[in-house]
């Protein structure tokens, strides 16, 4: 799991770690391809999890907004107007593990509703 978004100055280490995962993915794909091993990275966008929902509730409270209003605000920043569900990430994992992806390696895939276009 990697990320391609801008993390901001306060998250420089986080951003660097995600960039390192993408670089490692490319290197591993080059080295492991001869052994018929595919290596790819998934770069998820905003994904609904217990932790992200808890953070959203705290932010809504801090800003004096209803949770539903904060959820709408989050969705409006995403071109497809919705956050990921964990199943959206799982669908990409399933595809990349399928025979249909047998010639795909060394790639990084955004699953983010269009938030960070490549």
PDB file of N, CA and C in Angstrom:
ATOM      1  N   UNK A   1       0.859  -1.166   0.000  1.00  0.00           N
ATOM      2  CA  UNK A   1       0.000   0.000   0.000  1.00  0.00           C
ATOM      3  C   UNK A   1       0.902   1.225   0.000  1.00  0.00           C
ATOM      4  N   UNK A   2       0.673   2.091  -0.958  1.00  0.00           N
ATOM      5  CA  UNK A   2       1.472   3.311  -1.076  1.00  0.00           C
ATOM      6  C   UNK A   2       0.530   4.489  -1.219  1.00  0.00           C
ATOM      7  N   UNK A   3       1.069   5.653  -1.423  1.00  0.00           N
ATOM      8  CA  UNK A   3       0.265   6.844  -1.627  1.00  0.00           C
ATOM      9  C   UNK A   3       0.998   7.809  -2.521  1.00  0.00           C
ATOM     10  N   UNK A   4       0.252   8.610  -3.257  1.00  0.00           N
ATOM     11  CA  UNK A   4       0.850   9.566  -4.174  1.00  0.00           C
ATOM     12  C   UNK A   4       0.453  10.993  -3.872  1.00  0.00           C
ATOM     13  N   UNK A   5      -0.392  11.206  -2.903  1.00  0.00           N
ATOM     14  CA  UNK A   5      -0.875  12.550  -2.605  1.00  0.00           C
ATOM     15  C   UNK A   5       0.149  13.385  -1.872  1.00  0.00           C
ATOM     16  N   UNK A   6      -0.079  14.684  -1.863  1.00  0.00           N
ATOM     17  CA  UNK A   6       0.764  15.625  -1.138  1.00  0.00           C
ATOM     18  C   UNK A   6       0.420  15.525   0.331  1.00  0.00           C
ATOM     19  N   UNK A   7       1.405  15.250   1.162  1.00  0.00           N
ATOM     20  CA  UNK A   7       1.148  15.050   2.587  1.00  0.00           C
ATOM     21  C   UNK A   7       1.400  16.296   3.414  1.00  0.00           C
ATOM     22  N   UNK A   8       2.016  17.313   2.843  1.00  0.00           N
ATOM     23  CA  UNK A   8       2.289  18.537   3.579  1.00  0.00           C
ATOM     24  C   UNK A   8       3.582  18.448   4.379  1.00  0.00           C
ATOM     25  N   UNK A   9       4.075  19.592   4.789  1.00  0.00           N
ATOM     26  CA  UNK A   9       5.355  19.667   5.493  1.00  0.00           C
ATOM     27  C   UNK A   9       5.342  18.858   6.779  1.00  0.00           C
ATOM     28  N   UNK A  10       4.256  18.907   7.521  1.00  0.00           N
ATOM     29  CA  UNK A  10       4.211  18.203   8.808  1.00  0.00           C
ATOM     30  C   UNK A  10       4.190  16.691   8.645  1.00  0.00           C
ATOM     31  N   UNK A  11       3.956  16.220   7.442  1.00  0.00           N
ATOM     32  CA  UNK A  11       3.902  14.781   7.189  1.00  0.00           C
ATOM     33  C   UNK A  11       5.000  14.330   6.238  1.00  0.00           C
ATOM     34  N   UNK A  12       6.148  15.003   6.265  1.00  0.00           N
ATOM     35  CA  UNK A  12       7.226  14.697   5.325  1.00  0.00           C
ATOM     36  C   UNK A  12       7.692  13.246   5.443  1.00  0.00           C
ATOM     37  N   UNK A  13       7.839  12.738   6.646  1.00  0.00           N
ATOM     38  CA  UNK A  13       8.293  11.356   6.825  1.00  0.00           C
ATOM     39  C   UNK A  13       7.266  10.374   6.261  1.00  0.00           C
ATOM     40  N   UNK A  14       5.991  10.666   6.476  1.00  0.00           N
ATOM     41  CA  UNK A  14       4.927   9.814   5.936  1.00  0.00           C
ATOM     42  C   UNK A  14       4.991   9.801   4.410  1.00  0.00           C
ATOM     43  N   UNK A  15       5.108  10.983   3.806  1.00  0.00           N
ATOM     44  CA  UNK A  15       5.172  11.078   2.350  1.00  0.00           C
ATOM     45  C   UNK A  15       6.400  10.352   1.813  1.00  0.00           C
ATOM     46  N   UNK A  16       7.532  10.511   2.482  1.00  0.00           N
ATOM     47  CA  UNK A  16       8.758   9.837   2.049  1.00  0.00           C
ATOM     48  C   UNK A  16       8.599   8.322   2.121  1.00  0.00           C
ATOM     49  N   UNK A  17       7.936   7.837   3.152  1.00  0.00           N
ATOM     50  CA  UNK A  17       7.756   6.386   3.286  1.00  0.00           C
ATOM     51  C   UNK A  17       6.878   5.842   2.168  1.00  0.00           C
ATOM     52  N   UNK A  18       5.867   6.595   1.784  1.00  0.00           N
ATOM     53  CA  UNK A  18       4.990   6.144   0.702  1.00  0.00           C
ATOM     54  C   UNK A  18       5.730   6.163  -0.632  1.00  0.00           C
ATOM     55  N   UNK A  19       6.550   7.189  -0.857  1.00  0.00           N
ATOM     56  CA  UNK A  19       7.377   7.231  -2.066  1.00  0.00           C
ATOM     57  C   UNK A  19       8.360   6.076  -2.104  1.00  0.00           C
ATOM     58  N   UNK A  20       8.890   5.717  -0.944  1.00  0.00           N
ATOM     59  CA  UNK A  20       9.820   4.589  -0.862  1.00  0.00           C
ATOM     60  C   UNK A  20       9.129   3.282  -1.231  1.00  0.00           C
ATOM     61  N   UNK A  21       7.873   3.123  -0.844  1.00  0.00           N
ATOM     62  CA  UNK A  21       7.130   1.909  -1.196  1.00  0.00           C
ATOM     63  C   UNK A  21       6.985   1.810  -2.711  1.00  0.00           C
ATOM     64  N   UNK A  22       6.690   2.918  -3.372  1.00  0.00           N
ATOM     65  CA  UNK A  22       6.557   2.903  -4.832  1.00  0.00           C
ATOM     66  C   UNK A  22       7.893   2.554  -5.478  1.00  0.00           C
ATOM     67  N   UNK A  23       8.977   3.135  -5.000  1.00  0.00           N
ATOM     68  CA  UNK A  23      10.303   2.829  -5.530  1.00  0.00           C
ATOM     69  C   UNK A  23      10.665   1.363  -5.290  1.00  0.00           C
ATOM     70  N   UNK A  24      10.395   0.865  -4.111  1.00  0.00           N
ATOM     71  CA  UNK A  24      10.657  -0.539  -3.798  1.00  0.00           C
ATOM     72  C   UNK A  24       9.836  -1.458  -4.696  1.00  0.00           C
ATOM     73  N   UNK A  25       8.599  -1.073  -4.980  1.00  0.00           N
ATOM     74  CA  UNK A  25       7.740  -1.860  -5.869  1.00  0.00           C
ATOM     75  C   UNK A  25       8.386  -2.005  -7.236  1.00  0.00           C
ATOM     76  N   UNK A  26       8.873  -0.905  -7.786  1.00  0.00           N
ATOM     77  CA  UNK A  26       9.511  -0.941  -9.112  1.00  0.00           C
ATOM     78  C   UNK A  26      10.772  -1.800  -9.095  1.00  0.00           C
ATOM     79  N   UNK A  27      11.593  -1.634  -8.074  1.00  0.00           N
ATOM     80  CA  UNK A  27      12.834  -2.399  -7.968  1.00  0.00           C
ATOM     81  C   UNK A  27      12.550  -3.888  -7.797  1.00  0.00           C
ATOM     82  N   UNK A  28      11.623  -4.218  -6.919  1.00  0.00           N
ATOM     83  CA  UNK A  28      11.278  -5.622  -6.687  1.00  0.00           C
ATOM     84  C   UNK A  28      10.706  -6.260  -7.946  1.00  0.00           C
ATOM     85  N   UNK A  29       9.903  -5.512  -8.700  1.00  0.00           N
ATOM     86  CA  UNK A  29       9.345  -6.045  -9.943  1.00  0.00           C
ATOM     87  C   UNK A  29      10.458  -6.396 -10.926  1.00  0.00           C
ATOM     88  N   UNK A  30      11.461  -5.536 -11.023  1.00  0.00           N
ATOM     89  CA  UNK A  30      12.593  -5.797 -11.914  1.00  0.00           C
ATOM     90  C   UNK A  30      13.367  -7.039 -11.465  1.00  0.00           C
ATOM     91  N   UNK A  31      13.590  -7.172 -10.189  1.00  0.00           N
ATOM     92  CA  UNK A  31      14.403  -8.275  -9.674  1.00  0.00           C
ATOM     93  C   UNK A  31      13.652  -9.604  -9.617  1.00  0.00           C
ATOM     94  N   UNK A  32      12.360  -9.555  -9.367  1.00  0.00           N
ATOM     95  CA  UNK A  32      11.594 -10.785  -9.171  1.00  0.00           C
ATOM     96  C   UNK A  32      10.879 -11.271 -10.421  1.00  0.00           C
ATOM     97  N   UNK A  33      10.829 -10.434 -11.446  1.00  0.00           N
ATOM     98  CA  UNK A  33      10.162 -10.826 -12.679  1.00  0.00           C
ATOM     99  C   UNK A  33      10.712 -12.114 -13.265  1.00  0.00           C
ATOM    100  N   UNK A  34      12.023 -12.297 -13.215  1.00  0.00           N
ATOM    101  CA  UNK A  34      12.646 -13.509 -13.775  1.00  0.00           C
ATOM    102  C   UNK A  34      12.176 -14.774 -13.049  1.00  0.00           C
ATOM    103  N   UNK A  35      11.602 -14.605 -11.871  1.00  0.00           N
ATOM    104  CA  UNK A  35      11.052 -15.731 -11.111  1.00  0.00           C
ATOM    105  C   UNK A  35       9.531 -15.819 -11.270  1.00  0.00           C
ATOM    106  N   UNK A  36       9.015 -15.079 -12.241  1.00  0.00           N
ATOM    107  CA  UNK A  36       7.577 -15.060 -12.543  1.00  0.00           C
ATOM    108  C   UNK A  36       6.753 -14.531 -11.367  1.00  0.00           C
ATOM    109  N   UNK A  37       7.321 -13.551 -10.662  1.00  0.00           N
ATOM    110  CA  UNK A  37       6.628 -12.918  -9.537  1.00  0.00           C
ATOM    111  C   UNK A  37       6.263 -11.495  -9.930  1.00  0.00           C
ATOM    112  N   UNK A  38       5.000 -11.181  -9.837  1.00  0.00           N
ATOM    113  CA  UNK A  38       4.513  -9.832 -10.124  1.00  0.00           C
ATOM    114  C   UNK A  38       4.499  -9.019  -8.841  1.00  0.00           C
ATOM    115  N   UNK A  39       4.913  -7.762  -8.941  1.00  0.00           N
ATOM    116  CA  UNK A  39       4.933  -6.864  -7.784  1.00  0.00           C
ATOM    117  C   UNK A  39       4.283  -5.548  -8.196  1.00  0.00           C
ATOM    118  N   UNK A  40       3.229  -5.172  -7.524  1.00  0.00           N
ATOM    119  CA  UNK A  40       2.521  -3.924  -7.807  1.00  0.00           C
ATOM    120  C   UNK A  40       2.152  -3.247  -6.494  1.00  0.00           C
ATOM    121  N   UNK A  41       1.879  -1.963  -6.571  1.00  0.00           N
ATOM    122  CA  UNK A  41       1.463  -1.201  -5.388  1.00  0.00           C
ATOM    123  C   UNK A  41       0.056  -0.662  -5.605  1.00  0.00           C
ATOM    124  N   UNK A  42      -0.686  -0.593  -4.543  1.00  0.00           N
ATOM    125  CA  UNK A  42      -2.007   0.034  -4.559  1.00  0.00           C
ATOM    126  C   UNK A  42      -1.909   1.301  -3.727  1.00  0.00           C
ATOM    127  N   UNK A  43      -2.375   2.400  -4.306  1.00  0.00           N
ATOM    128  CA  UNK A  43      -2.325   3.713  -3.660  1.00  0.00           C
ATOM    129  C   UNK A  43      -3.758   4.151  -3.370  1.00  0.00           C
ATOM    130  N   UNK A  44      -4.275   3.803  -2.201  1.00  0.00           N
ATOM    131  CA  UNK A  44      -5.667   4.137  -1.904  1.00  0.00           C
ATOM    132  C   UNK A  44      -5.836   5.607  -1.549  1.00  0.00           C
ATOM    133  N   UNK A  45      -6.982   6.122  -1.905  1.00  0.00           N
ATOM    134  CA  UNK A  45      -7.349   7.463  -1.480  1.00  0.00           C
ATOM    135  C   UNK A  45      -8.081   7.382  -0.149  1.00  0.00           C
ATOM    136  N   UNK A  46      -8.942   8.329   0.080  1.00  0.00           N
ATOM    137  CA  UNK A  46      -9.727   8.363   1.318  1.00  0.00           C
ATOM    138  C   UNK A  46     -10.547   7.080   1.395  1.00  0.00           C
ATOM    139  N   UNK A  47     -10.360   6.333   2.466  1.00  0.00           N
ATOM    140  CA  UNK A  47     -11.034   5.048   2.627  1.00  0.00           C
ATOM    141  C   UNK A  47     -11.746   5.017   3.970  1.00  0.00           C
ATOM    142  N   UNK A  48     -13.008   4.617   3.931  1.00  0.00           N
ATOM    143  CA  UNK A  48     -13.797   4.527   5.161  1.00  0.00           C
ATOM    144  C   UNK A  48     -13.299   3.359   6.003  1.00  0.00           C
ATOM    145  N   UNK A  49     -12.796   3.677   7.161  1.00  0.00           N
ATOM    146  CA  UNK A  49     -12.384   2.674   8.145  1.00  0.00           C
ATOM    147  C   UNK A  49     -12.847   3.171   9.506  1.00  0.00           C
ATOM    148  N   UNK A  50     -12.728   2.338  10.505  1.00  0.00           N
ATOM    149  CA  UNK A  50     -13.103   2.776  11.857  1.00  0.00           C
ATOM    150  C   UNK A  50     -12.266   3.984  12.264  1.00  0.00           C
ATOM    151  N   UNK A  51     -10.971   3.972  11.938  1.00  0.00           N
ATOM    152  CA  UNK A  51     -10.091   5.084  12.302  1.00  0.00           C
ATOM    153  C   UNK A  51     -10.448   6.355  11.540  1.00  0.00           C
ATOM    154  N   UNK A  52     -10.666   6.247  10.224  1.00  0.00           N
ATOM    155  CA  UNK A  52     -10.991   7.463   9.462  1.00  0.00           C
ATOM    156  C   UNK A  52     -12.348   8.018   9.870  1.00  0.00           C
ATOM    157  N   UNK A  53     -13.291   7.140  10.200  1.00  0.00           N
ATOM    158  CA  UNK A  53     -14.603   7.610  10.662  1.00  0.00           C
ATOM    159  C   UNK A  53     -14.488   8.320  12.011  1.00  0.00           C
ATOM    160  N   UNK A  54     -13.652   7.779  12.897  1.00  0.00           N
ATOM    161  CA  UNK A  54     -13.446   8.423  14.205  1.00  0.00           C
ATOM    162  C   UNK A  54     -12.802   9.792  14.024  1.00  0.00           C
ATOM    163  N   UNK A  55     -11.810   9.881  13.142  1.00  0.00           N
ATOM    164  CA  UNK A  55     -11.167  11.172  12.866  1.00  0.00           C
ATOM    165  C   UNK A  55     -12.158  12.170  12.282  1.00  0.00           C
ATOM    166  N   UNK A  56     -13.033  11.691  11.406  1.00  0.00           N
ATOM    167  CA  UNK A  56     -14.031  12.574  10.801  1.00  0.00           C
ATOM    168  C   UNK A  56     -15.002  13.097  11.860  1.00  0.00           C
ATOM    169  N   UNK A  57     -15.395  12.239  12.802  1.00  0.00           N
ATOM    170  CA  UNK A  57     -16.286  12.673  13.884  1.00  0.00           C
ATOM    171  C   UNK A  57     -15.621  13.756  14.732  1.00  0.00           C
ATOM    172  N   UNK A  58     -14.348  13.575  15.040  1.00  0.00           N
ATOM    173  CA  UNK A  58     -13.620  14.577  15.835  1.00  0.00           C
ATOM    174  C   UNK A  58     -13.540  15.891  15.078  1.00  0.00           C
ATOM    175  N   UNK A  59     -13.198  15.835  13.789  1.00  0.00           N
ATOM    176  CA  UNK A  59     -13.110  17.067  12.992  1.00  0.00           C
ATOM    177  C   UNK A  59     -14.459  17.765  12.897  1.00  0.00           C
ATOM    178  N   UNK A  60     -15.523  16.983  12.724  1.00  0.00           N
ATOM    179  CA  UNK A  60     -16.863  17.573  12.651  1.00  0.00           C
ATOM    180  C   UNK A  60     -17.186  18.295  13.950  1.00  0.00           C
ATOM    181  N   UNK A  61     -16.869  17.668  15.058  1.00  0.00           N
ATOM    182  CA  UNK A  61     -17.124  18.281  16.365  1.00  0.00           C
ATOM    183  C   UNK A  61     -16.289  19.550  16.536  1.00  0.00           C
ATOM    184  N   UNK A  62     -15.018  19.506  16.157  1.00  0.00           N
ATOM    185  CA  UNK A  62     -14.137  20.670  16.284  1.00  0.00           C
ATOM    186  C   UNK A  62     -14.633  21.848  15.453  1.00  0.00           C
ATOM    187  N   UNK A  63     -15.209  21.536  14.288  1.00  0.00           N
ATOM    188  CA  UNK A  63     -15.677  22.592  13.392  1.00  0.00           C
ATOM    189  C   UNK A  63     -17.142  22.935  13.606  1.00  0.00           C
ATOM    190  N   UNK A  64     -17.791  22.261  14.551  1.00  0.00           N
ATOM    191  CA  UNK A  64     -19.189  22.540  14.840  1.00  0.00           C
ATOM    192  C   UNK A  64     -20.128  22.134  13.718  1.00  0.00           C
ATOM    193  N   UNK A  65     -19.771  21.079  13.001  1.00  0.00           N
ATOM    194  CA  UNK A  65     -20.593  20.602  11.891  1.00  0.00           C
ATOM    195  C   UNK A  65     -21.221  19.259  12.240  1.00  0.00           C
ATOM    196  N   UNK A  66     -22.349  18.991  11.615  1.00  0.00           N
ATOM    197  CA  UNK A  66     -22.942  17.664  11.728  1.00  0.00           C
ATOM    198  C   UNK A  66     -22.041  16.686  10.981  1.00  0.00           C
ATOM    199  N   UNK A  67     -22.007  15.447  11.434  1.00  0.00           N
ATOM    200  CA  UNK A  67     -21.178  14.432  10.792  1.00  0.00           C
ATOM    201  C   UNK A  67     -21.524  14.295   9.313  1.00  0.00           C
ATOM    202  N   UNK A  68     -22.820  14.358   8.989  1.00  0.00           N
ATOM    203  CA  UNK A  68     -23.251  14.232   7.596  1.00  0.00           C
ATOM    204  C   UNK A  68     -22.681  15.362   6.742  1.00  0.00           C
ATOM    205  N   UNK A  69     -22.621  16.561   7.283  1.00  0.00           N
ATOM    206  CA  UNK A  69     -22.048  17.699   6.548  1.00  0.00           C
ATOM    207  C   UNK A  69     -20.560  17.487   6.307  1.00  0.00           C
ATOM    208  N   UNK A  70     -19.862  16.957   7.291  1.00  0.00           N
ATOM    209  CA  UNK A  70     -18.434  16.688   7.133  1.00  0.00           C
ATOM    210  C   UNK A  70     -18.203  15.582   6.107  1.00  0.00           C
ATOM    211  N   UNK A  71     -19.068  14.568   6.105  1.00  0.00           N
ATOM    212  CA  UNK A  71     -18.959  13.497   5.109  1.00  0.00           C
ATOM    213  C   UNK A  71     -19.176  14.046   3.703  1.00  0.00           C
ATOM    214  N   UNK A  72     -20.146  14.958   3.550  1.00  0.00           N
ATOM    215  CA  UNK A  72     -20.381  15.585   2.240  1.00  0.00           C
ATOM    216  C   UNK A  72     -19.167  16.396   1.811  1.00  0.00           C
ATOM    217  N   UNK A  73     -18.595  17.148   2.744  1.00  0.00           N
ATOM    218  CA  UNK A  73     -17.419  17.964   2.433  1.00  0.00           C
ATOM    219  C   UNK A  73     -16.269  17.070   1.951  1.00  0.00           C
ATOM    220  N   UNK A  74     -16.065  15.962   2.640  1.00  0.00           N
ATOM    221  CA  UNK A  74     -15.002  15.021   2.244  1.00  0.00           C
ATOM    222  C   UNK A  74     -15.268  14.478   0.843  1.00  0.00           C
ATOM    223  N   UNK A  75     -16.501  14.093   0.575  1.00  0.00           N
ATOM    224  CA  UNK A  75     -16.843  13.530  -0.730  1.00  0.00           C
ATOM    225  C   UNK A  75     -16.718  14.558  -1.852  1.00  0.00           C
ATOM    226  N   UNK A  76     -17.051  15.802  -1.574  1.00  0.00           N
ATOM    227  CA  UNK A  76     -16.996  16.839  -2.608  1.00  0.00           C
ATOM    228  C   UNK A  76     -15.582  17.092  -3.110  1.00  0.00           C
ATOM    229  N   UNK A  77     -14.574  16.744  -2.331  1.00  0.00           N
ATOM    230  CA  UNK A  77     -13.180  16.928  -2.746  1.00  0.00           C
ATOM    231  C   UNK A  77     -12.719  15.828  -3.703  1.00  0.00           C
ATOM    232  N   UNK A  78     -13.524  14.792  -3.866  1.00  0.00           N
ATOM    233  CA  UNK A  78     -13.173  13.634  -4.688  1.00  0.00           C
ATOM    234  C   UNK A  78     -13.986  13.700  -5.974  1.00  0.00           C
ATOM    235  N   UNK A  79     -13.340  13.601  -7.159  1.00  0.00           N
ATOM    236  CA  UNK A  79     -14.096  13.699  -8.408  1.00  0.00           C
ATOM    237  C   UNK A  79     -15.294  12.756  -8.508  1.00  0.00           C
ATOM    238  N   UNK A  80     -15.179  11.525  -8.036  1.00  0.00           N
ATOM    239  CA  UNK A  80     -16.328  10.612  -8.081  1.00  0.00           C
ATOM    240  C   UNK A  80     -17.301  10.826  -6.930  1.00  0.00           C
ATOM    241  N   UNK A  81     -17.003  11.801  -6.059  1.00  0.00           N
ATOM    242  CA  UNK A  81     -17.902  12.227  -4.985  1.00  0.00           C
ATOM    243  C   UNK A  81     -18.183  11.157  -3.938  1.00  0.00           C
ATOM    244  N   UNK A  82     -17.202  10.270  -3.725  1.00  0.00           N
ATOM    245  CA  UNK A  82     -17.386   9.264  -2.677  1.00  0.00           C
ATOM    246  C   UNK A  82     -16.018   8.772  -2.204  1.00  0.00           C
ATOM    247  N   UNK A  83     -15.955   8.445  -0.931  1.00  0.00           N
ATOM    248  CA  UNK A  83     -14.758   7.827  -0.364  1.00  0.00           C
ATOM    249  C   UNK A  83     -14.767   6.341  -0.707  1.00  0.00           C
ATOM    250  N   UNK A  84     -13.601   5.729  -0.644  1.00  0.00           N
ATOM    251  CA  UNK A  84     -13.510   4.282  -0.847  1.00  0.00           C
ATOM    252  C   UNK A  84     -14.148   3.546   0.314  1.00  0.00           C
ATOM    253  N   UNK A  85     -14.666   2.393   0.007  1.00  0.00           N
ATOM    254  CA  UNK A  85     -14.958   1.388   1.012  1.00  0.00           C
ATOM    255  C   UNK A  85     -13.788   0.408   0.959  1.00  0.00           C
ATOM    256  N   UNK A  86     -13.484  -0.291   2.027  1.00  0.00           N
ATOM    257  CA  UNK A  86     -12.386  -1.265   1.972  1.00  0.00           C
ATOM    258  C   UNK A  86     -12.534  -2.256   0.813  1.00  0.00           C
ATOM    259  N   UNK A  87     -13.767  -2.549   0.441  1.00  0.00           N
ATOM    260  CA  UNK A  87     -14.008  -3.477  -0.667  1.00  0.00           C
ATOM    261  C   UNK A  87     -13.472  -2.940  -1.995  1.00  0.00           C
ATOM    262  N   UNK A  88     -13.395  -1.615  -2.141  1.00  0.00           N
ATOM    263  CA  UNK A  88     -12.841  -1.035  -3.366  1.00  0.00           C
ATOM    264  C   UNK A  88     -11.358  -1.374  -3.495  1.00  0.00           C
ATOM    265  N   UNK A  89     -10.648  -1.341  -2.387  1.00  0.00           N
ATOM    266  CA  UNK A  89      -9.233  -1.696  -2.387  1.00  0.00           C
ATOM    267  C   UNK A  89      -9.099  -3.200  -2.624  1.00  0.00           C
ATOM    268  N   UNK A  90      -9.940  -3.977  -1.966  1.00  0.00           N
ATOM    269  CA  UNK A  90      -9.903  -5.436  -2.128  1.00  0.00           C
ATOM    270  C   UNK A  90     -10.144  -5.839  -3.578  1.00  0.00           C
ATOM    271  N   UNK A  91     -11.019  -5.131  -4.276  1.00  0.00           N
ATOM    272  CA  UNK A  91     -11.291  -5.449  -5.680  1.00  0.00           C
ATOM    273  C   UNK A  91     -10.032  -5.299  -6.530  1.00  0.00           C
ATOM    274  N   UNK A  92      -9.219  -4.283  -6.254  1.00  0.00           N
ATOM    275  CA  UNK A  92      -7.969  -4.120  -6.995  1.00  0.00           C
ATOM    276  C   UNK A  92      -6.988  -5.235  -6.650  1.00  0.00           C
ATOM    277  N   UNK A  93      -6.925  -5.621  -5.384  1.00  0.00           N
ATOM    278  CA  UNK A  93      -6.058  -6.735  -4.978  1.00  0.00           C
ATOM    279  C   UNK A  93      -6.467  -8.000  -5.721  1.00  0.00           C
ATOM    280  N   UNK A  94      -7.760  -8.273  -5.763  1.00  0.00           N
ATOM    281  CA  UNK A  94      -8.256  -9.473  -6.442  1.00  0.00           C
ATOM    282  C   UNK A  94      -7.890  -9.430  -7.916  1.00  0.00           C
ATOM    283  N   UNK A  95      -8.074  -8.279  -8.557  1.00  0.00           N
ATOM    284  CA  UNK A  95      -7.706  -8.172  -9.970  1.00  0.00           C
ATOM    285  C   UNK A  95      -6.221  -8.432 -10.169  1.00  0.00           C
ATOM    286  N   UNK A  96      -5.377  -7.780  -9.368  1.00  0.00           N
ATOM    287  CA  UNK A  96      -3.933  -7.929  -9.549  1.00  0.00           C
ATOM    288  C   UNK A  96      -3.453  -9.350  -9.259  1.00  0.00           C
ATOM    289  N   UNK A  97      -4.215 -10.108  -8.492  1.00  0.00           N
ATOM    290  CA  UNK A  97      -3.870 -11.502  -8.214  1.00  0.00           C
ATOM    291  C   UNK A  97      -4.479 -12.464  -9.231  1.00  0.00           C
ATOM    292  N   UNK A  98      -5.242 -11.941 -10.176  1.00  0.00           N
ATOM    293  CA  UNK A  98      -5.947 -12.781 -11.141  1.00  0.00           C
ATOM    294  C   UNK A  98      -5.091 -13.043 -12.387  1.00  0.00           C
ATOM    295  N   UNK A  99      -5.477 -14.054 -13.179  1.00  0.00           N
ATOM    296  CA  UNK A  99      -4.767 -14.314 -14.433  1.00  0.00           C
ATOM    297  C   UNK A  99      -4.802 -13.120 -15.397  1.00  0.00           C
ATOM    298  N   UNK A 100      -5.817 -12.293 -15.295  1.00  0.00           N
ATOM    299  CA  UNK A 100      -5.915 -11.124 -16.171  1.00  0.00           C
ATOM    300  C   UNK A 100      -4.813 -10.108 -15.953  1.00  0.00           C
ATOM    301  N   UNK A 101      -4.109 -10.209 -14.834  1.00  0.00           N
ATOM    302  CA  UNK A 101      -3.023  -9.272 -14.529  1.00  0.00           C
ATOM    303  C   UNK A 101      -1.653  -9.945 -14.630  1.00  0.00           C
ATOM    304  N   UNK A 102      -1.568 -11.053 -15.346  1.00  0.00           N
ATOM    305  CA  UNK A 102      -0.318 -11.820 -15.367  1.00  0.00           C
ATOM    306  C   UNK A 102       0.857 -11.059 -15.964  1.00  0.00           C
ATOM    307  N   UNK A 103       0.605 -10.084 -16.819  1.00  0.00           N
ATOM    308  CA  UNK A 103       1.683  -9.294 -17.419  1.00  0.00           C
ATOM    309  C   UNK A 103       1.752  -7.883 -16.850  1.00  0.00           C
ATOM    310  N   UNK A 104       1.231  -7.685 -15.672  1.00  0.00           N
ATOM    311  CA  UNK A 104       1.282  -6.374 -15.017  1.00  0.00           C
ATOM    312  C   UNK A 104       2.224  -6.487 -13.828  1.00  0.00           C
ATOM    313  N   UNK A 105       3.282  -5.697 -13.852  1.00  0.00           N
ATOM    314  CA  UNK A 105       4.221  -5.684 -12.732  1.00  0.00           C
ATOM    315  C   UNK A 105       4.954  -4.350 -12.689  1.00  0.00           C
ATOM    316  N   UNK A 106       5.350  -3.958 -11.505  1.00  0.00           N
ATOM    317  CA  UNK A 106       6.086  -2.708 -11.331  1.00  0.00           C
ATOM    318  C   UNK A 106       5.226  -1.462 -11.413  1.00  0.00           C
ATOM    319  N   UNK A 107       3.925  -1.614 -11.246  1.00  0.00           N
ATOM    320  CA  UNK A 107       3.002  -0.493 -11.395  1.00  0.00           C
ATOM    321  C   UNK A 107       2.437  -0.065 -10.042  1.00  0.00           C
ATOM    322  N   UNK A 108       1.982   1.170 -10.003  1.00  0.00           N
ATOM    323  CA  UNK A 108       1.304   1.721  -8.823  1.00  0.00           C
ATOM    324  C   UNK A 108      -0.076   2.182  -9.260  1.00  0.00           C
ATOM    325  N   UNK A 109      -1.092   1.668  -8.619  1.00  0.00           N
ATOM    326  CA  UNK A 109      -2.469   1.962  -9.006  1.00  0.00           C
ATOM    327  C   UNK A 109      -3.177   2.808  -7.964  1.00  0.00           C
ATOM    328  N   UNK A 110      -3.683   3.949  -8.408  1.00  0.00           N
ATOM    329  CA  UNK A 110      -4.511   4.790  -7.549  1.00  0.00           C
ATOM    330  C   UNK A 110      -5.911   4.194  -7.496  1.00  0.00           C
ATOM    331  N   UNK A 111      -6.412   3.994  -6.317  1.00  0.00           N
ATOM    332  CA  UNK A 111      -7.812   3.625  -6.099  1.00  0.00           C
ATOM    333  C   UNK A 111      -8.335   4.727  -5.192  1.00  0.00           C
ATOM    334  N   UNK A 112      -8.761   5.826  -5.829  1.00  0.00           N
ATOM    335  CA  UNK A 112      -9.018   7.044  -5.051  1.00  0.00           C
ATOM    336  C   UNK A 112     -10.145   7.906  -5.599  1.00  0.00           C
ATOM    337  N   UNK A 113     -10.954   7.356  -6.486  1.00  0.00           N
ATOM    338  CA  UNK A 113     -12.067   8.127  -7.029  1.00  0.00           C
ATOM    339  C   UNK A 113     -11.638   9.298  -7.897  1.00  0.00           C
ATOM    340  N   UNK A 114     -10.393   9.265  -8.383  1.00  0.00           N
ATOM    341  CA  UNK A 114      -9.900  10.345  -9.242  1.00  0.00           C
ATOM    342  C   UNK A 114      -9.221  11.478  -8.499  1.00  0.00           C
ATOM    343  N   UNK A 115      -8.984  11.316  -7.208  1.00  0.00           N
ATOM    344  CA  UNK A 115      -8.419  12.390  -6.389  1.00  0.00           C
ATOM    345  C   UNK A 115      -7.024  12.801  -6.848  1.00  0.00           C
ATOM    346  N   UNK A 116      -6.160  11.842  -7.142  1.00  0.00           N
ATOM    347  CA  UNK A 116      -4.794  12.118  -7.583  1.00  0.00           C
ATOM    348  C   UNK A 116      -4.613  11.493  -8.965  1.00  0.00           C
ATOM    349  N   UNK A 117      -4.899  12.227 -10.036  1.00  0.00           N
ATOM    350  CA  UNK A 117      -4.732  11.639 -11.369  1.00  0.00           C
ATOM    351  C   UNK A 117      -3.252  11.504 -11.734  1.00  0.00           C
ATOM    352  N   UNK A 118      -2.938  10.456 -12.453  1.00  0.00           N
ATOM    353  CA  UNK A 118      -1.563  10.260 -12.939  1.00  0.00           C
ATOM    354  C   UNK A 118      -1.412  10.821 -14.324  1.00  0.00           C
TER     355      UNK A 118
END
